[in-house]
Structure formats: C-alpha cells, structure tokens
Amino acid sequence: MLISLGESIRLRRKELKLSQSYVADLAEVSLNTISKIERGEANPTVDVLQKIGNVLGMELKLEIKGLNKLGYALGSSISE
C-alpha cells in the first residue's frame, strides 16, 4: 500500500513517540509546518524534508515523477 509523504512522516514520528513540537524544534521549522506536512497541506522544500528526515532517522529520496509542459517535475518521498 502506498502512503503519502505526510503520513510517512507522521507514522515515523509516532513510532518514535515524538511530539510534533519536539520534531519542529529539532528540525528548526515551525510546528505549523510539521502539522501541515503531516496533513498533506504543504509542499515542503528539499531542505525542510532533509531536516525532518534527520530528526526522524529517515533517508530522503528524490524520484522523477514525470514531465509536464514546462519541463521536468520532481516529486519527493521519504523512506527509512
């Protein structure tokens, strides 16, 4: 089963028994940012994903999802 980026982050955070606030502090992002990412309401930058991944012990992997009319569109996912 495929899960979303935000859900993957949320599941890993809960697995580690960490609060959103704690992850936000360590990743140096706002609590609102973590919350929106987990709900799928934000498209975080690669830098933000790397920071969150470092806190949660997750590896950032970029994948090319396809082409659009303006050029290459990049998607991203986080996996352990």
PDB file of N, CA and C in Angstrom:
ATOM      1  N   MET A   1       0.834  -1.180   0.000  1.00  0.00           N
ATOM      2  CA  MET A   1       0.000   0.000   0.000  1.00  0.00           C
ATOM      3  C   MET A   1       0.882   1.248   0.000  1.00  0.00           C
ATOM      4  N   LEU A   2       0.577   2.184  -0.871  1.00  0.00           N
ATOM      5  CA  LEU A   2       1.301   3.446  -0.933  1.00  0.00           C
ATOM      6  C   LEU A   2       0.760   4.402   0.123  1.00  0.00           C
ATOM      7  N   ILE A   3       1.663   5.065   0.828  1.00  0.00           N
ATOM      8  CA  ILE A   3       1.228   6.085   1.777  1.00  0.00           C
ATOM      9  C   ILE A   3       1.842   7.412   1.367  1.00  0.00           C
ATOM     10  N   SER A   4       1.196   8.479   1.779  1.00  0.00           N
ATOM     11  CA  SER A   4       1.665   9.811   1.406  1.00  0.00           C
ATOM     12  C   SER A   4       2.915  10.182   2.200  1.00  0.00           C
ATOM     13  N   LEU A   5       3.592  11.183   1.699  1.00  0.00           N
ATOM     14  CA  LEU A   5       4.778  11.709   2.364  1.00  0.00           C
ATOM     15  C   LEU A   5       4.447  12.124   3.792  1.00  0.00           C
ATOM     16  N   GLY A   6       3.377  12.893   3.940  1.00  0.00           N
ATOM     17  CA  GLY A   6       2.987  13.367   5.266  1.00  0.00           C
ATOM     18  C   GLY A   6       2.647  12.237   6.216  1.00  0.00           C
ATOM     19  N   GLU A   7       1.947  11.233   5.697  1.00  0.00           N
ATOM     20  CA  GLU A   7       1.583  10.091   6.532  1.00  0.00           C
ATOM     21  C   GLU A   7       2.825   9.304   6.936  1.00  0.00           C
ATOM     22  N   SER A   8       3.773   9.189   6.035  1.00  0.00           N
ATOM     23  CA  SER A   8       5.028   8.507   6.340  1.00  0.00           C
ATOM     24  C   SER A   8       5.767   9.215   7.472  1.00  0.00           C
ATOM     25  N   ILE A   9       5.804  10.527   7.417  1.00  0.00           N
ATOM     26  CA  ILE A   9       6.452  11.318   8.467  1.00  0.00           C
ATOM     27  C   ILE A   9       5.706  11.150   9.787  1.00  0.00           C
ATOM     28  N   ARG A  10       4.378  11.242   9.734  1.00  0.00           N
ATOM     29  CA  ARG A  10       3.561  11.108  10.949  1.00  0.00           C
ATOM     30  C   ARG A  10       3.753   9.734  11.598  1.00  0.00           C
ATOM     31  N   LEU A  11       3.716   8.674  10.784  1.00  0.00           N
ATOM     32  CA  LEU A  11       3.873   7.322  11.318  1.00  0.00           C
ATOM     33  C   LEU A  11       5.237   7.132  11.978  1.00  0.00           C
ATOM     34  N   ARG A  12       6.282   7.638  11.344  1.00  0.00           N
ATOM     35  CA  ARG A  12       7.632   7.517  11.908  1.00  0.00           C
ATOM     36  C   ARG A  12       7.746   8.319  13.201  1.00  0.00           C
ATOM     37  N   ARG A  13       7.175   9.519  13.216  1.00  0.00           N
ATOM     38  CA  ARG A  13       7.222  10.357  14.421  1.00  0.00           C
ATOM     39  C   ARG A  13       6.519   9.654  15.580  1.00  0.00           C
ATOM     40  N   LYS A  14       5.349   9.081  15.302  1.00  0.00           N
ATOM     41  CA  LYS A  14       4.600   8.381  16.349  1.00  0.00           C
ATOM     42  C   LYS A  14       5.322   7.106  16.792  1.00  0.00           C
ATOM     43  N   GLU A  15       5.951   6.427  15.846  1.00  0.00           N
ATOM     44  CA  GLU A  15       6.733   5.231  16.175  1.00  0.00           C
ATOM     45  C   GLU A  15       7.834   5.568  17.177  1.00  0.00           C
ATOM     46  N   LEU A  16       8.424   6.742  17.017  1.00  0.00           N
ATOM     47  CA  LEU A  16       9.487   7.203  17.918  1.00  0.00           C
ATOM     48  C   LEU A  16       8.941   7.891  19.169  1.00  0.00           C
ATOM     49  N   LYS A  17       7.600   8.011  19.236  1.00  0.00           N
ATOM     50  CA  LYS A  17       6.922   8.651  20.372  1.00  0.00           C
ATOM     51  C   LYS A  17       7.377  10.099  20.573  1.00  0.00           C
ATOM     52  N   LEU A  18       7.478  10.822  19.460  1.00  0.00           N
ATOM     53  CA  LEU A  18       7.880  12.226  19.491  1.00  0.00           C
ATOM     54  C   LEU A  18       6.682  13.107  19.183  1.00  0.00           C
ATOM     55  N   SER A  19       6.630  14.267  19.808  1.00  0.00           N
ATOM     56  CA  SER A  19       5.568  15.226  19.512  1.00  0.00           C
ATOM     57  C   SER A  19       5.928  16.034  18.265  1.00  0.00           C
ATOM     58  N   GLN A  20       4.912  16.602  17.647  1.00  0.00           N
ATOM     59  CA  GLN A  20       5.157  17.489  16.507  1.00  0.00           C
ATOM     60  C   GLN A  20       6.031  18.657  16.940  1.00  0.00           C
ATOM     61  N   SER A  21       5.774  19.173  18.119  1.00  0.00           N
ATOM     62  CA  SER A  21       6.533  20.314  18.633  1.00  0.00           C
ATOM     63  C   SER A  21       8.015  19.972  18.795  1.00  0.00           C
ATOM     64  N   TYR A  22       8.305  18.791  19.309  1.00  0.00           N
ATOM     65  CA  TYR A  22       9.687  18.356  19.502  1.00  0.00           C
ATOM     66  C   TYR A  22      10.406  18.226  18.163  1.00  0.00           C
ATOM     67  N   VAL A  23       9.751  17.588  17.193  1.00  0.00           N
ATOM     68  CA  VAL A  23      10.346  17.429  15.862  1.00  0.00           C
ATOM     69  C   VAL A  23      10.575  18.796  15.226  1.00  0.00           C
ATOM     70  N   ALA A  24       9.593  19.683  15.355  1.00  0.00           N
ATOM     71  CA  ALA A  24       9.720  21.025  14.788  1.00  0.00           C
ATOM     72  C   ALA A  24      10.923  21.758  15.386  1.00  0.00           C
ATOM     73  N   ASP A  25      11.073  21.677  16.700  1.00  0.00           N
ATOM     74  CA  ASP A  25      12.203  22.340  17.362  1.00  0.00           C
ATOM     75  C   ASP A  25      13.540  21.805  16.860  1.00  0.00           C
ATOM     76  N   LEU A  26      13.678  20.490  16.813  1.00  0.00           N
ATOM     77  CA  LEU A  26      14.949  19.900  16.382  1.00  0.00           C
ATOM     78  C   LEU A  26      15.230  20.138  14.903  1.00  0.00           C
ATOM     79  N   ALA A  27      14.175  20.179  14.090  1.00  0.00           N
ATOM     80  CA  ALA A  27      14.341  20.395  12.647  1.00  0.00           C
ATOM     81  C   ALA A  27      14.436  21.881  12.303  1.00  0.00           C
ATOM     82  N   GLU A  28      14.239  22.728  13.299  1.00  0.00           N
ATOM     83  CA  GLU A  28      14.289  24.181  13.115  1.00  0.00           C
ATOM     84  C   GLU A  28      13.263  24.663  12.096  1.00  0.00           C
ATOM     85  N   VAL A  29      12.041  24.127  12.230  1.00  0.00           N
ATOM     86  CA  VAL A  29      10.898  24.573  11.429  1.00  0.00           C
ATOM     87  C   VAL A  29       9.749  24.832  12.394  1.00  0.00           C
ATOM     88  N   SER A  30       8.703  25.465  11.914  1.00  0.00           N
ATOM     89  CA  SER A  30       7.583  25.769  12.797  1.00  0.00           C
ATOM     90  C   SER A  30       6.711  24.533  13.034  1.00  0.00           C
ATOM     91  N   LEU A  31       6.023  24.553  14.168  1.00  0.00           N
ATOM     92  CA  LEU A  31       5.055  23.498  14.475  1.00  0.00           C
ATOM     93  C   LEU A  31       3.990  23.439  13.387  1.00  0.00           C
ATOM     94  N   ASN A  32       3.576  24.604  12.907  1.00  0.00           N
ATOM     95  CA  ASN A  32       2.582  24.687  11.841  1.00  0.00           C
ATOM     96  C   ASN A  32       3.070  23.972  10.577  1.00  0.00           C
ATOM     97  N   THR A  33       4.353  24.095  10.270  1.00  0.00           N
ATOM     98  CA  THR A  33       4.929  23.426   9.096  1.00  0.00           C
ATOM     99  C   THR A  33       4.825  21.914   9.231  1.00  0.00           C
ATOM    100  N   ILE A  34       5.215  21.381  10.380  1.00  0.00           N
ATOM    101  CA  ILE A  34       5.130  19.931  10.611  1.00  0.00           C
ATOM    102  C   ILE A  34       3.682  19.469  10.490  1.00  0.00           C
ATOM    103  N   SER A  35       2.794  20.197  11.118  1.00  0.00           N
ATOM    104  CA  SER A  35       1.377  19.839  11.091  1.00  0.00           C
ATOM    105  C   SER A  35       0.826  19.814   9.667  1.00  0.00           C
ATOM    106  N   LYS A  36       1.133  20.847   8.890  1.00  0.00           N
ATOM    107  CA  LYS A  36       0.640  20.920   7.508  1.00  0.00           C
ATOM    108  C   LYS A  36       1.238  19.820   6.631  1.00  0.00           C
ATOM    109  N   ILE A  37       2.509  19.510   6.821  1.00  0.00           N
ATOM    110  CA  ILE A  37       3.143  18.442   6.042  1.00  0.00           C
ATOM    111  C   ILE A  37       2.457  17.115   6.347  1.00  0.00           C
ATOM    112  N   GLU A  38       2.240  16.837   7.621  1.00  0.00           N
ATOM    113  CA  GLU A  38       1.615  15.571   8.010  1.00  0.00           C
ATOM    114  C   GLU A  38       0.187  15.451   7.481  1.00  0.00           C
ATOM    115  N   ARG A  39      -0.513  16.569   7.361  1.00  0.00           N
ATOM    116  CA  ARG A  39      -1.887  16.547   6.836  1.00  0.00           C
ATOM    117  C   ARG A  39      -1.928  16.624   5.315  1.00  0.00           C
ATOM    118  N   GLY A  40      -0.773  16.771   4.687  1.00  0.00           N
ATOM    119  CA  GLY A  40      -0.724  16.862   3.233  1.00  0.00           C
ATOM    120  C   GLY A  40      -1.148  18.211   2.698  1.00  0.00           C
ATOM    121  N   GLU A  41      -1.042  19.237   3.528  1.00  0.00           N
ATOM    122  CA  GLU A  41      -1.466  20.583   3.143  1.00  0.00           C
ATOM    123  C   GLU A  41      -0.296  21.487   2.771  1.00  0.00           C
ATOM    124  N   ALA A  42       0.916  20.950   2.786  1.00  0.00           N
ATOM    125  CA  ALA A  42       2.101  21.745   2.454  1.00  0.00           C
ATOM    126  C   ALA A  42       3.015  20.926   1.562  1.00  0.00           C
ATOM    127  N   ASN A  43       3.721  21.619   0.698  1.00  0.00           N
ATOM    128  CA  ASN A  43       4.739  21.007  -0.152  1.00  0.00           C
ATOM    129  C   ASN A  43       6.099  21.497   0.334  1.00  0.00           C
ATOM    130  N   PRO A  44       6.723  20.743   1.229  1.00  0.00           N
ATOM    131  CA  PRO A  44       7.981  21.204   1.821  1.00  0.00           C
ATOM    132  C   PRO A  44       9.130  21.197   0.825  1.00  0.00           C
ATOM    133  N   THR A  45      10.080  22.063   1.076  1.00  0.00           N
ATOM    134  CA  THR A  45      11.293  22.103   0.257  1.00  0.00           C
ATOM    135  C   THR A  45      12.164  20.894   0.591  1.00  0.00           C
ATOM    136  N   VAL A  46      13.110  20.613  -0.270  1.00  0.00           N
ATOM    137  CA  VAL A  46      14.048  19.520  -0.025  1.00  0.00           C
ATOM    138  C   VAL A  46      14.812  19.779   1.274  1.00  0.00           C
ATOM    139  N   ASP A  47      15.183  21.022   1.524  1.00  0.00           N
ATOM    140  CA  ASP A  47      15.909  21.378   2.741  1.00  0.00           C
ATOM    141  C   ASP A  47      15.097  21.024   3.988  1.00  0.00           C
ATOM    142  N   VAL A  48      13.821  21.376   3.987  1.00  0.00           N
ATOM    143  CA  VAL A  48      12.951  21.074   5.129  1.00  0.00           C
ATOM    144  C   VAL A  48      12.799  19.562   5.292  1.00  0.00           C
ATOM    145  N   LEU A  49      12.617  18.856   4.184  1.00  0.00           N
ATOM    146  CA  LEU A  49      12.498  17.397   4.255  1.00  0.00           C
ATOM    147  C   LEU A  49      13.764  16.755   4.811  1.00  0.00           C
ATOM    148  N   GLN A  50      14.919  17.278   4.429  1.00  0.00           N
ATOM    149  CA  GLN A  50      16.180  16.741   4.952  1.00  0.00           C
ATOM    150  C   GLN A  50      16.281  16.959   6.456  1.00  0.00           C
ATOM    151  N   LYS A  51      15.886  18.137   6.914  1.00  0.00           N
ATOM    152  CA  LYS A  51      15.930  18.430   8.349  1.00  0.00           C
ATOM    153  C   LYS A  51      15.012  17.492   9.128  1.00  0.00           C
ATOM    154  N   ILE A  52      13.792  17.319   8.637  1.00  0.00           N
ATOM    155  CA  ILE A  52      12.839  16.431   9.307  1.00  0.00           C
ATOM    156  C   ILE A  52      13.338  14.990   9.248  1.00  0.00           C
ATOM    157  N   GLY A  53      13.838  14.594   8.093  1.00  0.00           N
ATOM    158  CA  GLY A  53      14.379  13.247   7.935  1.00  0.00           C
ATOM    159  C   GLY A  53      15.522  12.970   8.892  1.00  0.00           C
ATOM    160  N   ASN A  54      16.382  13.952   9.092  1.00  0.00           N
ATOM    161  CA  ASN A  54      17.499  13.794  10.030  1.00  0.00           C
ATOM    162  C   ASN A  54      16.996  13.577  11.453  1.00  0.00           C
ATOM    163  N   VAL A  55      15.984  14.328  11.850  1.00  0.00           N
ATOM    164  CA  VAL A  55      15.420  14.189  13.194  1.00  0.00           C
ATOM    165  C   VAL A  55      14.789  12.809  13.374  1.00  0.00           C
ATOM    166  N   LEU A  56      14.101  12.335  12.347  1.00  0.00           N
ATOM    167  CA  LEU A  56      13.365  11.073  12.445  1.00  0.00           C
ATOM    168  C   LEU A  56      14.177   9.857  12.004  1.00  0.00           C
ATOM    169  N   GLY A  57      15.420  10.077  11.586  1.00  0.00           N
ATOM    170  CA  GLY A  57      16.249   8.965  11.133  1.00  0.00           C
ATOM    171  C   GLY A  57      15.758   8.366   9.835  1.00  0.00           C
ATOM    172  N   MET A  58      15.273   9.220   8.939  1.00  0.00           N
ATOM    173  CA  MET A  58      14.749   8.786   7.644  1.00  0.00           C
ATOM    174  C   MET A  58      15.644   9.326   6.544  1.00  0.00           C
ATOM    175  N   GLU A  59      15.717   8.602   5.446  1.00  0.00           N
ATOM    176  CA  GLU A  59      16.542   8.998   4.303  1.00  0.00           C
ATOM    177  C   GLU A  59      15.663   9.645   3.232  1.00  0.00           C
ATOM    178  N   LEU A  60      16.105  10.788   2.740  1.00  0.00           N
ATOM    179  CA  LEU A  60      15.385  11.490   1.683  1.00  0.00           C
ATOM    180  C   LEU A  60      15.761  10.906   0.339  1.00  0.00           C
ATOM    181  N   LYS A  61      14.750  10.553  -0.444  1.00  0.00           N
ATOM    182  CA  LYS A  61      14.987  10.060  -1.802  1.00  0.00           C
ATOM    183  C   LYS A  61      14.145  10.884  -2.764  1.00  0.00           C
ATOM    184  N   LEU A  62      14.775  11.395  -3.814  1.00  0.00           N
ATOM    185  CA  LEU A  62      14.057  12.138  -4.841  1.00  0.00           C
ATOM    186  C   LEU A  62      13.789  11.209  -6.008  1.00  0.00           C
ATOM    187  N   GLU A  63      12.596  11.305  -6.550  1.00  0.00           N
ATOM    188  CA  GLU A  63      12.229  10.493  -7.701  1.00  0.00           C
ATOM    189  C   GLU A  63      11.630  11.391  -8.768  1.00  0.00           C
ATOM    190  N   ILE A  64      11.964  11.142 -10.012  1.00  0.00           N
ATOM    191  CA  ILE A  64      11.340  11.878 -11.102  1.00  0.00           C
ATOM    192  C   ILE A  64       9.976  11.256 -11.345  1.00  0.00           C
ATOM    193  N   LYS A  65       8.937  12.068 -11.227  1.00  0.00           N
ATOM    194  CA  LYS A  65       7.570  11.591 -11.382  1.00  0.00           C
ATOM    195  C   LYS A  65       7.081  11.679 -12.818  1.00  0.00           C
ATOM    196  N   GLY A  66       7.678  12.522 -13.622  1.00  0.00           N
ATOM    197  CA  GLY A  66       7.234  12.658 -14.997  1.00  0.00           C
ATOM    198  C   GLY A  66       7.515  14.046 -15.534  1.00  0.00           C
ATOM    199  N   LEU A  67       7.084  14.271 -16.726  1.00  0.00           N
ATOM    200  CA  LEU A  67       7.283  15.559 -17.387  1.00  0.00           C
ATOM    201  C   LEU A  67       5.987  16.342 -17.394  1.00  0.00           C
ATOM    202  N   ASN A  68       6.115  17.654 -17.373  1.00  0.00           N
ATOM    203  CA  ASN A  68       4.955  18.497 -17.616  1.00  0.00           C
ATOM    204  C   ASN A  68       5.305  19.440 -18.763  1.00  0.00           C
ATOM    205  N   LYS A  69       4.387  20.298 -19.130  1.00  0.00           N
ATOM    206  CA  LYS A  69       4.607  21.160 -20.293  1.00  0.00           C
ATOM    207  C   LYS A  69       5.735  22.162 -20.084  1.00  0.00           C
ATOM    208  N   LEU A  70       6.058  22.466 -18.830  1.00  0.00           N
ATOM    209  CA  LEU A  70       7.099  23.454 -18.558  1.00  0.00           C
ATOM    210  C   LEU A  70       8.472  22.821 -18.379  1.00  0.00           C
ATOM    211  N   GLY A  71       8.542  21.522 -18.292  1.00  0.00           N
ATOM    212  CA  GLY A  71       9.830  20.859 -18.087  1.00  0.00           C
ATOM    213  C   GLY A  71       9.677  19.668 -17.173  1.00  0.00           C
ATOM    214  N   TYR A  72      10.713  19.370 -16.437  1.00  0.00           N
ATOM    215  CA  TYR A  72      10.686  18.226 -15.537  1.00  0.00           C
ATOM    216  C   TYR A  72       9.976  18.589 -14.239  1.00  0.00           C
ATOM    217  N   ALA A  73       9.164  17.683 -13.780  1.00  0.00           N
ATOM    218  CA  ALA A  73       8.511  17.835 -12.485  1.00  0.00           C
ATOM    219  C   ALA A  73       9.145  16.830 -11.537  1.00  0.00           C
ATOM    220  N   LEU A  74       9.617  17.297 -10.413  1.00  0.00           N
ATOM    221  CA  LEU A  74      10.236  16.406  -9.441  1.00  0.00           C
ATOM    222  C   LEU A  74       9.278  16.166  -8.293  1.00  0.00           C
ATOM    223  N   GLY A  75       9.167  14.932  -7.884  1.00  0.00           N
ATOM    224  CA  GLY A  75       8.424  14.571  -6.689  1.00  0.00           C
ATOM    225  C   GLY A  75       9.419  14.072  -5.669  1.00  0.00           C
ATOM    226  N   SER A  76       9.005  13.992  -4.437  1.00  0.00           N
ATOM    227  CA  SER A  76       9.924  13.502  -3.427  1.00  0.00           C
ATOM    228  C   SER A  76       9.198  12.582  -2.468  1.00  0.00           C
ATOM    229  N   SER A  77       9.952  11.727  -1.861  1.00  0.00           N
ATOM    230  CA  SER A  77       9.406  10.849  -0.842  1.00  0.00           C
ATOM    231  C   SER A  77      10.476  10.614   0.205  1.00  0.00           C
ATOM    232  N   ILE A  78      10.033  10.232   1.355  1.00  0.00           N
ATOM    233  CA  ILE A  78      10.964   9.906   2.425  1.00  0.00           C
ATOM    234  C   ILE A  78      10.762   8.439   2.751  1.00  0.00           C
ATOM    235  N   SER A  79      11.849   7.728   2.889  1.00  0.00           N
ATOM    236  CA  SER A  79      11.759   6.331   3.306  1.00  0.00           C
ATOM    237  C   SER A  79      12.864   6.041   4.298  1.00  0.00           C
ATOM    238  N   GLU A  80      12.661   5.029   5.085  1.00  0.00           N
ATOM    239  CA  GLU A  80      13.676   4.653   6.069  1.00  0.00           C
ATOM    240  C   GLU A  80      14.852   4.019   5.383  1.00  0.00           C
TER     241      GLU A  80
END
